[in-house]
């Protein structure tokens, strides 16, 4: 991860952290609808 971001963002501090968060489709979205709603409504 560190080397991948360094290739995109340039020189990084030697101590860098990556935060990954799994979010259910029913918990987020945009335009007033969740991602789950968009999936089922097509």
Protein backbone atom coordinates (compact mmCIF):
# COMPACT_ATOMS: atom_id res chain seq x y z
CA UNK A 1 0.00 0.00 0.00
CA UNK A 2 2.79 2.37 0.97
CA UNK A 3 4.64 1.92 -2.32
CA UNK A 4 1.46 2.19 -4.37
CA UNK A 5 0.51 5.51 -2.80
CA UNK A 6 4.07 6.77 -3.10
CA UNK A 7 3.85 6.10 -6.85
CA UNK A 8 0.67 8.19 -7.04
CA UNK A 9 1.27 10.88 -4.41
CA UNK A 10 5.05 11.14 -4.40
CA UNK A 11 7.31 10.98 -1.39
CA UNK A 12 5.49 9.90 1.77
CA UNK A 13 6.57 10.01 5.40
CA UNK A 14 8.12 6.73 6.48
CA UNK A 15 5.23 6.21 8.90
CA UNK A 16 2.00 6.23 6.92
CA UNK A 17 -1.28 4.52 7.72
CA UNK A 18 -4.09 3.17 5.57
CA UNK A 19 -7.59 3.00 7.00
CA UNK A 20 -10.05 0.62 5.36
CA UNK A 21 -13.67 0.71 6.39
CA UNK A 22 -16.29 -1.77 5.19
CA UNK A 23 -19.59 0.08 4.93
CA UNK A 24 -22.88 -1.63 4.21
CA UNK A 25 -24.70 -0.42 1.12
CA UNK A 26 -27.73 0.39 3.28
CA UNK A 27 -25.68 2.83 5.36
CA UNK A 28 -24.46 5.30 2.76
CA UNK A 29 -25.38 6.83 -0.56
CA UNK A 30 -26.00 10.16 -2.22
CA UNK A 31 -28.86 12.16 -3.67
CA UNK A 32 -31.18 11.02 -0.89
CA UNK A 33 -30.92 7.30 -1.71
CA UNK A 34 -28.69 4.57 -0.29
CA UNK A 35 -26.50 2.46 -2.53
CA UNK A 36 -28.68 -0.55 -1.69
CA UNK A 37 -31.79 1.31 -2.87
CA UNK A 38 -30.04 2.24 -6.13
CA UNK A 39 -28.98 -1.39 -6.67
CA UNK A 40 -32.51 -2.76 -6.27
CA UNK A 41 -34.20 0.02 -8.24
CA UNK A 42 -31.65 -0.13 -11.09
